[in-house]
């Protein structure tokens, strides 16, 4: 048994893990949690942010898929059935600028606004 994230007590960690495993049975551990985030896209041409229809609890999880261990960021979306699932790989560019977690993918620049920066 592993320790729960510092901001999540053991019963809450177990409940979160059970919910996440309904989405992906390969998830073995919750490493971090933020109670509420909202996703924004950055438009390079207009240099402006636009809110996406994704907001909810954020989890950093460990997945064990056979011999491979991987990390992911998952936002359980309260706005629609579409959750955000982001693989944490060496090519993923992440930057923290509280209260934002910014990341760059092949499709563009995105930002997660973290409602409570202590999370």
Protein backbone atom coordinates (compact mmCIF):
# COMPACT_ATOMS: atom_id res chain seq x y z
CA UNK A 1 0.00 0.00 0.00
CA UNK A 2 1.31 3.44 -0.89
CA UNK A 3 0.91 6.69 0.98
CA UNK A 4 -1.88 9.02 -0.15
CA UNK A 5 -0.93 12.39 -1.67
CA UNK A 6 -0.14 15.03 0.99
CA UNK A 7 -3.41 16.88 0.32
CA UNK A 8 -5.60 13.75 0.36
CA UNK A 9 -6.33 11.57 3.39
CA UNK A 10 -6.31 7.77 3.04
CA UNK A 11 -10.12 7.24 2.75
CA UNK A 12 -10.43 10.05 0.17
CA UNK A 13 -7.47 8.63 -1.78
CA UNK A 14 -9.08 5.18 -1.87
CA UNK A 15 -12.41 6.63 -3.04
CA UNK A 16 -10.69 8.69 -5.75
CA UNK A 17 -8.75 5.63 -6.88
CA UNK A 18 -11.96 3.60 -7.15
CA UNK A 19 -13.61 6.30 -9.31
CA UNK A 20 -10.53 6.61 -11.53
CA UNK A 21 -10.28 2.83 -11.96
CA UNK A 22 -13.79 2.83 -13.47
CA UNK A 23 -12.31 4.95 -16.26
CA UNK A 24 -9.01 3.08 -16.50
CA UNK A 25 -8.37 -0.16 -14.60
CA UNK A 26 -4.60 0.25 -15.12
CA UNK A 27 -4.45 3.16 -12.65
CA UNK A 28 -2.59 1.97 -9.57
CA UNK A 29 -1.99 5.12 -7.55
CA UNK A 30 -3.04 8.75 -7.10
CA UNK A 31 0.10 10.88 -6.67
CA UNK A 32 -1.50 14.35 -6.48
CA UNK A 33 -4.93 15.99 -6.56
CA UNK A 34 -6.45 19.43 -7.06
CA UNK A 35 -10.12 19.76 -6.15
CA UNK A 36 -11.04 22.07 -9.03
CA UNK A 37 -9.34 23.14 -12.28
CA UNK A 38 -10.55 24.70 -15.54
CA UNK A 39 -8.94 24.13 -18.95
CA UNK A 40 -8.02 27.02 -21.26
CA UNK A 41 -6.55 27.05 -24.79
CA UNK A 42 -4.09 29.72 -25.93
CA UNK A 43 -4.64 31.29 -29.35
CA UNK A 44 -1.21 32.24 -30.70
CA UNK A 45 -2.62 34.60 -33.36
CA UNK A 46 -4.76 36.69 -31.00
CA UNK A 47 -2.54 36.04 -27.96
CA UNK A 48 -5.62 35.31 -25.87
CA UNK A 49 -6.98 32.48 -23.76
CA UNK A 50 -10.35 30.82 -24.30
CA UNK A 51 -12.09 28.58 -21.79
CA UNK A 52 -12.80 25.02 -22.84
CA UNK A 53 -15.74 22.97 -21.63
CA UNK A 54 -13.54 20.96 -19.24
CA UNK A 55 -13.44 21.58 -15.50
CA UNK A 56 -13.41 19.40 -12.43
CA UNK A 57 -11.05 17.53 -10.11
CA UNK A 58 -7.49 16.98 -11.35
CA UNK A 59 -5.46 13.88 -10.51
CA UNK A 60 -1.88 12.92 -11.25
CA UNK A 61 -1.95 9.13 -11.48
CA UNK A 62 0.37 6.19 -11.97
CA UNK A 63 -0.67 3.57 -14.53
CA UNK A 64 0.79 0.08 -14.58
CA UNK A 65 0.20 -1.43 -17.98
CA UNK A 66 2.17 -4.67 -18.08
CA UNK A 67 5.88 -3.97 -17.80
CA UNK A 68 5.39 -0.24 -18.46
CA UNK A 69 4.72 2.34 -15.75
CA UNK A 70 3.34 5.65 -16.94
CA UNK A 71 2.08 8.87 -15.41
CA UNK A 72 -0.99 10.82 -16.47
CA UNK A 73 -2.90 13.95 -15.60
CA UNK A 74 -6.65 13.32 -15.56
CA UNK A 75 -9.38 15.92 -15.11
CA UNK A 76 -12.73 14.34 -14.26
CA UNK A 77 -14.94 16.71 -16.22
CA UNK A 78 -18.09 17.99 -14.53
CA UNK A 79 -19.23 19.81 -17.70
CA UNK A 80 -19.54 16.88 -20.12
CA UNK A 81 -18.61 13.19 -20.48
CA UNK A 82 -15.28 14.21 -22.09
CA UNK A 83 -12.49 13.92 -19.48
CA UNK A 84 -9.03 15.36 -20.05
CA UNK A 85 -6.39 12.62 -20.13
CA UNK A 86 -2.84 13.83 -20.65
CA UNK A 87 0.13 11.46 -20.80
CA UNK A 88 3.16 12.78 -18.94
CA UNK A 89 6.05 11.98 -21.25
CA UNK A 90 9.55 13.41 -21.72
CA UNK A 91 8.25 15.41 -24.70
CA UNK A 92 5.46 17.09 -22.72
CA UNK A 93 6.44 20.63 -21.82
CA UNK A 94 5.01 21.55 -18.40
CA UNK A 95 5.41 24.83 -16.57
CA UNK A 96 3.89 25.94 -13.28
CA UNK A 97 2.93 29.58 -12.87
CA UNK A 98 0.57 29.50 -9.86
CA UNK A 99 -2.37 29.38 -10.05
CA UNK A 100 -1.77 27.92 -13.54
CA UNK A 101 -0.27 24.71 -14.85
CA UNK A 102 0.72 25.37 -18.46
CA UNK A 103 1.53 22.67 -20.99
CA UNK A 104 2.41 22.45 -24.64
CA UNK A 105 1.43 19.61 -26.95
CA UNK A 106 1.61 19.09 -30.69
CA UNK A 107 -1.82 20.76 -30.96
CA UNK A 108 -0.97 23.92 -29.02
CA UNK A 109 -0.57 25.59 -25.65
CA UNK A 110 -3.05 24.95 -22.87
CA UNK A 111 -3.44 26.10 -19.30
CA UNK A 112 -5.10 24.54 -16.29
CA UNK A 113 -6.31 27.14 -13.81
CA UNK A 114 -6.08 25.61 -10.33
CA UNK A 115 -8.86 27.02 -8.13
CA UNK A 116 -6.93 26.48 -4.88
CA UNK A 117 -3.19 27.07 -5.41
CA UNK A 118 -2.37 25.06 -2.26
CA UNK A 119 -3.52 21.95 -4.16
